[in-house]
């Protein structure tokens, strides 16, 4: 499902982990439980493809930056 995607935007932990491990740039926002930020802070944040957004403005900014980097 993610294959060929330029950027994945998600608020689901497993989607964030899958995209990260596949090497696909992704931006995750947390859910009500706070577990995505915890995983990002302790593990996935070490990967260059993983990004975390605290709010919608940061999400949009990060996605735009990733898409600009992706251009040939």
PDB file of N, CA and C in Angstrom:
ATOM      1  N   UNK A   1       0.815  -1.188   0.000  1.00  0.00           N
ATOM      2  CA  UNK A   1       0.000   0.000   0.000  1.00  0.00           C
ATOM      3  C   UNK A   1       0.869   1.267   0.000  1.00  0.00           C
ATOM      4  N   UNK A   2       2.002   1.245   0.702  1.00  0.00           N
ATOM      5  CA  UNK A   2       2.873   2.421   0.775  1.00  0.00           C
ATOM      6  C   UNK A   2       3.873   2.488  -0.371  1.00  0.00           C
ATOM      7  N   UNK A   3       4.092   1.376  -1.028  1.00  0.00           N
ATOM      8  CA  UNK A   3       5.095   1.333  -2.076  1.00  0.00           C
ATOM      9  C   UNK A   3       4.799   2.385  -3.141  1.00  0.00           C
ATOM     10  N   UNK A   4       5.805   3.189  -3.462  1.00  0.00           N
ATOM     11  CA  UNK A   4       5.642   4.245  -4.448  1.00  0.00           C
ATOM     12  C   UNK A   4       5.185   5.570  -3.865  1.00  0.00           C
ATOM     13  N   UNK A   5       4.902   5.604  -2.568  1.00  0.00           N
ATOM     14  CA  UNK A   5       4.484   6.846  -1.922  1.00  0.00           C
ATOM     15  C   UNK A   5       5.676   7.761  -1.714  1.00  0.00           C
ATOM     16  N   UNK A   6       5.482   9.044  -1.931  1.00  0.00           N
ATOM     17  CA  UNK A   6       6.556  10.013  -1.699  1.00  0.00           C
ATOM     18  C   UNK A   6       6.634  10.371  -0.221  1.00  0.00           C
ATOM     19  N   UNK A   7       5.496  10.487   0.430  1.00  0.00           N
ATOM     20  CA  UNK A   7       5.424  10.808   1.858  1.00  0.00           C
ATOM     21  C   UNK A   7       4.177  10.148   2.430  1.00  0.00           C
ATOM     22  N   UNK A   8       4.312   9.596   3.628  1.00  0.00           N
ATOM     23  CA  UNK A   8       3.173   9.029   4.339  1.00  0.00           C
ATOM     24  C   UNK A   8       2.869   9.942   5.528  1.00  0.00           C
ATOM     25  N   UNK A   9       1.608  10.297   5.691  1.00  0.00           N
ATOM     26  CA  UNK A   9       1.147  11.091   6.827  1.00  0.00           C
ATOM     27  C   UNK A   9       0.210  10.200   7.622  1.00  0.00           C
ATOM     28  N   UNK A  10       0.480  10.073   8.932  1.00  0.00           N
ATOM     29  CA  UNK A  10      -0.327   9.135   9.702  1.00  0.00           C
ATOM     30  C   UNK A  10      -0.453   9.545  11.164  1.00  0.00           C
ATOM     31  N   UNK A  11      -1.489   9.039  11.781  1.00  0.00           N
ATOM     32  CA  UNK A  11      -1.623   9.135  13.237  1.00  0.00           C
ATOM     33  C   UNK A  11      -1.775   7.723  13.818  1.00  0.00           C
ATOM     34  N   UNK A  12      -1.285   6.758  13.068  1.00  0.00           N
ATOM     35  CA  UNK A  12      -1.333   5.352  13.482  1.00  0.00           C
ATOM     36  C   UNK A  12       0.085   4.832  13.686  1.00  0.00           C
ATOM     37  N   UNK A  13       0.320   4.222  14.825  1.00  0.00           N
ATOM     38  CA  UNK A  13       1.650   3.759  15.194  1.00  0.00           C
ATOM     39  C   UNK A  13       2.217   2.769  14.189  1.00  0.00           C
ATOM     40  N   UNK A  14       1.445   1.764  13.830  1.00  0.00           N
ATOM     41  CA  UNK A  14       1.968   0.728  12.944  1.00  0.00           C
ATOM     42  C   UNK A  14       2.261   1.258  11.547  1.00  0.00           C
ATOM     43  N   UNK A  15       1.476   2.212  11.080  1.00  0.00           N
ATOM     44  CA  UNK A  15       1.748   2.824   9.774  1.00  0.00           C
ATOM     45  C   UNK A  15       3.053   3.619   9.828  1.00  0.00           C
ATOM     46  N   UNK A  16       3.279   4.319  10.925  1.00  0.00           N
ATOM     47  CA  UNK A  16       4.518   5.084  11.108  1.00  0.00           C
ATOM     48  C   UNK A  16       5.729   4.142  11.126  1.00  0.00           C
ATOM     49  N   UNK A  17       5.648   3.072  11.873  1.00  0.00           N
ATOM     50  CA  UNK A  17       6.754   2.117  11.958  1.00  0.00           C
ATOM     51  C   UNK A  17       7.000   1.452  10.609  1.00  0.00           C
ATOM     52  N   UNK A  18       5.948   1.027   9.938  1.00  0.00           N
ATOM     53  CA  UNK A  18       6.090   0.368   8.639  1.00  0.00           C
ATOM     54  C   UNK A  18       6.748   1.287   7.617  1.00  0.00           C
ATOM     55  N   UNK A  19       6.260   2.513   7.511  1.00  0.00           N
ATOM     56  CA  UNK A  19       6.844   3.450   6.555  1.00  0.00           C
ATOM     57  C   UNK A  19       8.309   3.723   6.889  1.00  0.00           C
ATOM     58  N   UNK A  20       8.605   3.864   8.168  1.00  0.00           N
ATOM     59  CA  UNK A  20       9.988   4.108   8.590  1.00  0.00           C
ATOM     60  C   UNK A  20      10.883   2.947   8.185  1.00  0.00           C
ATOM     61  N   UNK A  21      10.464   1.738   8.471  1.00  0.00           N
ATOM     62  CA  UNK A  21      11.275   0.569   8.148  1.00  0.00           C
ATOM     63  C   UNK A  21      11.385   0.326   6.646  1.00  0.00           C
ATOM     64  N   UNK A  22      10.407   0.794   5.882  1.00  0.00           N
ATOM     65  CA  UNK A  22      10.457   0.677   4.425  1.00  0.00           C
ATOM     66  C   UNK A  22      11.312   1.780   3.798  1.00  0.00           C
ATOM     67  N   UNK A  23      11.744   2.743   4.604  1.00  0.00           N
ATOM     68  CA  UNK A  23      12.549   3.841   4.083  1.00  0.00           C
ATOM     69  C   UNK A  23      11.743   4.915   3.395  1.00  0.00           C
ATOM     70  N   UNK A  24      10.466   4.996   3.683  1.00  0.00           N
ATOM     71  CA  UNK A  24       9.591   5.992   3.075  1.00  0.00           C
ATOM     72  C   UNK A  24       9.463   7.172   4.040  1.00  0.00           C
ATOM     73  N   UNK A  25       9.740   8.391   3.580  1.00  0.00           N
ATOM     74  CA  UNK A  25       9.565   9.544   4.462  1.00  0.00           C
ATOM     75  C   UNK A  25       8.139   9.575   5.000  1.00  0.00           C
ATOM     76  N   UNK A  26       8.029   9.814   6.302  1.00  0.00           N
ATOM     77  CA  UNK A  26       6.707   9.848   6.905  1.00  0.00           C
ATOM     78  C   UNK A  26       6.665  10.858   8.028  1.00  0.00           C
ATOM     79  N   UNK A  27       5.477  11.419   8.222  1.00  0.00           N
ATOM     80  CA  UNK A  27       5.249  12.375   9.289  1.00  0.00           C
ATOM     81  C   UNK A  27       4.106  11.827  10.126  1.00  0.00           C
ATOM     82  N   UNK A  28       4.382  11.653  11.406  1.00  0.00           N
ATOM     83  CA  UNK A  28       3.375  11.124  12.311  1.00  0.00           C
ATOM     84  C   UNK A  28       2.911  12.211  13.270  1.00  0.00           C
ATOM     85  N   UNK A  29       1.641  12.197  13.566  1.00  0.00           N
ATOM     86  CA  UNK A  29       1.073  13.032  14.616  1.00  0.00           C
ATOM     87  C   UNK A  29       0.539  12.082  15.675  1.00  0.00           C
ATOM     88  N   UNK A  30       0.550  12.537  16.903  1.00  0.00           N
ATOM     89  CA  UNK A  30       0.140  11.661  17.986  1.00  0.00           C
ATOM     90  C   UNK A  30      -1.374  11.498  18.057  1.00  0.00           C
ATOM     91  N   UNK A  31      -1.759  10.419  18.710  1.00  0.00           N
ATOM     92  CA  UNK A  31      -3.161  10.173  18.995  1.00  0.00           C
ATOM     93  C   UNK A  31      -3.425  10.561  20.451  1.00  0.00           C
ATOM     94  N   UNK A  32      -4.574  10.214  20.964  1.00  0.00           N
ATOM     95  CA  UNK A  32      -4.937  10.579  22.337  1.00  0.00           C
ATOM     96  C   UNK A  32      -4.075   9.898  23.392  1.00  0.00           C
ATOM     97  N   UNK A  33      -3.470   8.787  23.059  1.00  0.00           N
ATOM     98  CA  UNK A  33      -2.717   8.013  24.034  1.00  0.00           C
ATOM     99  C   UNK A  33      -1.279   8.481  24.225  1.00  0.00           C
ATOM    100  N   UNK A  34      -0.724   9.202  23.267  1.00  0.00           N
ATOM    101  CA  UNK A  34       0.644   9.679  23.356  1.00  0.00           C
ATOM    102  C   UNK A  34       1.695   8.633  23.038  1.00  0.00           C
ATOM    103  N   UNK A  35       1.275   7.484  22.546  1.00  0.00           N
ATOM    104  CA  UNK A  35       2.251   6.418  22.328  1.00  0.00           C
ATOM    105  C   UNK A  35       3.117   6.643  21.096  1.00  0.00           C
ATOM    106  N   UNK A  36       2.633   7.348  20.098  1.00  0.00           N
ATOM    107  CA  UNK A  36       3.446   7.582  18.902  1.00  0.00           C
ATOM    108  C   UNK A  36       4.631   8.482  19.253  1.00  0.00           C
ATOM    109  N   UNK A  37       4.387   9.534  20.014  1.00  0.00           N
ATOM    110  CA  UNK A  37       5.489  10.409  20.404  1.00  0.00           C
ATOM    111  C   UNK A  37       6.519   9.660  21.241  1.00  0.00           C
ATOM    112  N   UNK A  38       6.061   8.772  22.091  1.00  0.00           N
ATOM    113  CA  UNK A  38       6.971   7.959  22.898  1.00  0.00           C
ATOM    114  C   UNK A  38       7.850   7.065  22.048  1.00  0.00           C
ATOM    115  N   UNK A  39       7.258   6.404  21.079  1.00  0.00           N
ATOM    116  CA  UNK A  39       8.027   5.535  20.176  1.00  0.00           C
ATOM    117  C   UNK A  39       8.981   6.371  19.328  1.00  0.00           C
ATOM    118  N   UNK A  40       8.498   7.514  18.847  1.00  0.00           N
ATOM    119  CA  UNK A  40       9.353   8.393  18.052  1.00  0.00           C
ATOM    120  C   UNK A  40      10.543   8.882  18.880  1.00  0.00           C
ATOM    121  N   UNK A  41      10.288   9.324  20.088  1.00  0.00           N
ATOM    122  CA  UNK A  41      11.353   9.851  20.948  1.00  0.00           C
ATOM    123  C   UNK A  41      12.385   8.795  21.313  1.00  0.00           C
ATOM    124  N   UNK A  42      11.934   7.570  21.516  1.00  0.00           N
ATOM    125  CA  UNK A  42      12.828   6.511  21.988  1.00  0.00           C
ATOM    126  C   UNK A  42      13.388   5.605  20.906  1.00  0.00           C
ATOM    127  N   UNK A  43      12.804   5.641  19.711  1.00  0.00           N
ATOM    128  CA  UNK A  43      13.247   4.679  18.703  1.00  0.00           C
ATOM    129  C   UNK A  43      13.249   5.246  17.279  1.00  0.00           C
ATOM    130  N   UNK A  44      12.084   5.502  16.724  1.00  0.00           N
ATOM    131  CA  UNK A  44      12.017   5.820  15.290  1.00  0.00           C
ATOM    132  C   UNK A  44      12.597   7.182  14.938  1.00  0.00           C
ATOM    133  N   UNK A  45      12.726   8.070  15.903  1.00  0.00           N
ATOM    134  CA  UNK A  45      13.306   9.384  15.644  1.00  0.00           C
ATOM    135  C   UNK A  45      14.750   9.313  15.184  1.00  0.00           C
ATOM    136  N   UNK A  46      15.380   8.180  15.349  1.00  0.00           N
ATOM    137  CA  UNK A  46      16.766   7.979  14.901  1.00  0.00           C
ATOM    138  C   UNK A  46      16.868   7.769  13.397  1.00  0.00           C
ATOM    139  N   UNK A  47      15.756   7.469  12.761  1.00  0.00           N
ATOM    140  CA  UNK A  47      15.735   7.216  11.320  1.00  0.00           C
ATOM    141  C   UNK A  47      15.523   8.528  10.565  1.00  0.00           C
ATOM    142  N   UNK A  48      16.263   8.716   9.481  1.00  0.00           N
ATOM    143  CA  UNK A  48      16.148   9.956   8.708  1.00  0.00           C
ATOM    144  C   UNK A  48      14.796  10.093   8.017  1.00  0.00           C
ATOM    145  N   UNK A  49      14.091   9.001   7.844  1.00  0.00           N
ATOM    146  CA  UNK A  49      12.798   9.050   7.151  1.00  0.00           C
ATOM    147  C   UNK A  49      11.636   9.351   8.094  1.00  0.00           C
ATOM    148  N   UNK A  50      11.872   9.263   9.398  1.00  0.00           N
ATOM    149  CA  UNK A  50      10.798   9.453  10.380  1.00  0.00           C
ATOM    150  C   UNK A  50      10.763  10.896  10.874  1.00  0.00           C
ATOM    151  N   UNK A  51       9.561  11.440  10.923  1.00  0.00           N
ATOM    152  CA  UNK A  51       9.364  12.811  11.398  1.00  0.00           C
ATOM    153  C   UNK A  51       8.119  12.828  12.286  1.00  0.00           C
ATOM    154  N   UNK A  52       8.101  13.769  13.217  1.00  0.00           N
ATOM    155  CA  UNK A  52       6.970  13.892  14.130  1.00  0.00           C
ATOM    156  C   UNK A  52       6.495  15.335  14.131  1.00  0.00           C
ATOM    157  N   UNK A  53       5.199  15.539  14.087  1.00  0.00           N
ATOM    158  CA  UNK A  53       4.619  16.879  14.104  1.00  0.00           C
ATOM    159  C   UNK A  53       3.748  17.039  15.346  1.00  0.00           C
ATOM    160  N   UNK A  54       3.956  18.125  16.052  1.00  0.00           N
ATOM    161  CA  UNK A  54       3.174  18.424  17.254  1.00  0.00           C
ATOM    162  C   UNK A  54       1.787  18.963  16.917  1.00  0.00           C
ATOM    163  N   UNK A  55       1.678  19.633  15.755  1.00  0.00           N
ATOM    164  CA  UNK A  55       0.409  20.239  15.376  1.00  0.00           C
ATOM    165  C   UNK A  55       0.295  20.289  13.856  1.00  0.00           C
ATOM    166  N   UNK A  56      -0.833  20.771  13.393  1.00  0.00           N
ATOM    167  CA  UNK A  56      -1.107  20.785  11.953  1.00  0.00           C
ATOM    168  C   UNK A  56      -0.143  21.692  11.191  1.00  0.00           C
ATOM    169  N   UNK A  57       0.218  22.823  11.762  1.00  0.00           N
ATOM    170  CA  UNK A  57       1.144  23.741  11.094  1.00  0.00           C
ATOM    171  C   UNK A  57       2.507  23.079  10.898  1.00  0.00           C
ATOM    172  N   UNK A  58       2.995  22.395  11.909  1.00  0.00           N
ATOM    173  CA  UNK A  58       4.271  21.695  11.805  1.00  0.00           C
ATOM    174  C   UNK A  58       4.169  20.541  10.806  1.00  0.00           C
ATOM    175  N   UNK A  59       3.034  19.873  10.772  1.00  0.00           N
ATOM    176  CA  UNK A  59       2.805  18.793   9.816  1.00  0.00           C
ATOM    177  C   UNK A  59       2.924  19.317   8.389  1.00  0.00           C
ATOM    178  N   UNK A  60       2.236  20.394   8.090  1.00  0.00           N
ATOM    179  CA  UNK A  60       2.248  20.963   6.746  1.00  0.00           C
ATOM    180  C   UNK A  60       3.653  21.416   6.363  1.00  0.00           C
ATOM    181  N   UNK A  61       4.336  22.075   7.269  1.00  0.00           N
ATOM    182  CA  UNK A  61       5.693  22.543   7.014  1.00  0.00           C
ATOM    183  C   UNK A  61       6.643  21.373   6.731  1.00  0.00           C
ATOM    184  N   UNK A  62       6.546  20.323   7.520  1.00  0.00           N
ATOM    185  CA  UNK A  62       7.418  19.165   7.346  1.00  0.00           C
ATOM    186  C   UNK A  62       7.135  18.455   6.035  1.00  0.00           C
ATOM    187  N   UNK A  63       5.878  18.260   5.726  1.00  0.00           N
ATOM    188  CA  UNK A  63       5.516  17.601   4.457  1.00  0.00           C
ATOM    189  C   UNK A  63       6.014  18.425   3.272  1.00  0.00           C
ATOM    190  N   UNK A  64       5.824  19.731   3.316  1.00  0.00           N
ATOM    191  CA  UNK A  64       6.307  20.576   2.218  1.00  0.00           C
ATOM    192  C   UNK A  64       7.820  20.468   2.064  1.00  0.00           C
ATOM    193  N   UNK A  65       8.541  20.444   3.156  1.00  0.00           N
ATOM    194  CA  UNK A  65      10.003  20.297   3.096  1.00  0.00           C
ATOM    195  C   UNK A  65      10.398  18.961   2.487  1.00  0.00           C
ATOM    196  N   UNK A  66       9.722  17.898   2.895  1.00  0.00           N
ATOM    197  CA  UNK A  66      10.037  16.571   2.364  1.00  0.00           C
ATOM    198  C   UNK A  66       9.743  16.480   0.873  1.00  0.00           C
ATOM    199  N   UNK A  67       8.661  17.088   0.449  1.00  0.00           N
ATOM    200  CA  UNK A  67       8.315  17.057  -0.980  1.00  0.00           C
ATOM    201  C   UNK A  67       9.300  17.871  -1.811  1.00  0.00           C
ATOM    202  N   UNK A  68       9.815  18.966  -1.257  1.00  0.00           N
ATOM    203  CA  UNK A  68      10.820  19.763  -1.975  1.00  0.00           C
ATOM    204  C   UNK A  68      12.113  18.975  -2.118  1.00  0.00           C
ATOM    205  N   UNK A  69      12.501  18.239  -1.074  1.00  0.00           N
ATOM    206  CA  UNK A  69      13.713  17.419  -1.117  1.00  0.00           C
ATOM    207  C   UNK A  69      13.576  16.303  -2.137  1.00  0.00           C
ATOM    208  N   UNK A  70      12.365  15.829  -2.354  1.00  0.00           N
ATOM    209  CA  UNK A  70      12.096  14.685  -3.222  1.00  0.00           C
ATOM    210  C   UNK A  70      12.174  15.041  -4.702  1.00  0.00           C
ATOM    211  N   UNK A  71      12.105  16.316  -5.016  1.00  0.00           N
ATOM    212  CA  UNK A  71      12.119  16.727  -6.432  1.00  0.00           C
ATOM    213  C   UNK A  71      13.480  16.465  -7.053  1.00  0.00           C
ATOM    214  N   UNK A  72      13.473  15.999  -8.312  1.00  0.00           N
ATOM    215  CA  UNK A  72      14.750  15.740  -9.005  1.00  0.00           C
ATOM    216  C   UNK A  72      15.487  17.022  -9.349  1.00  0.00           C
TER     217      UNK A  72
END
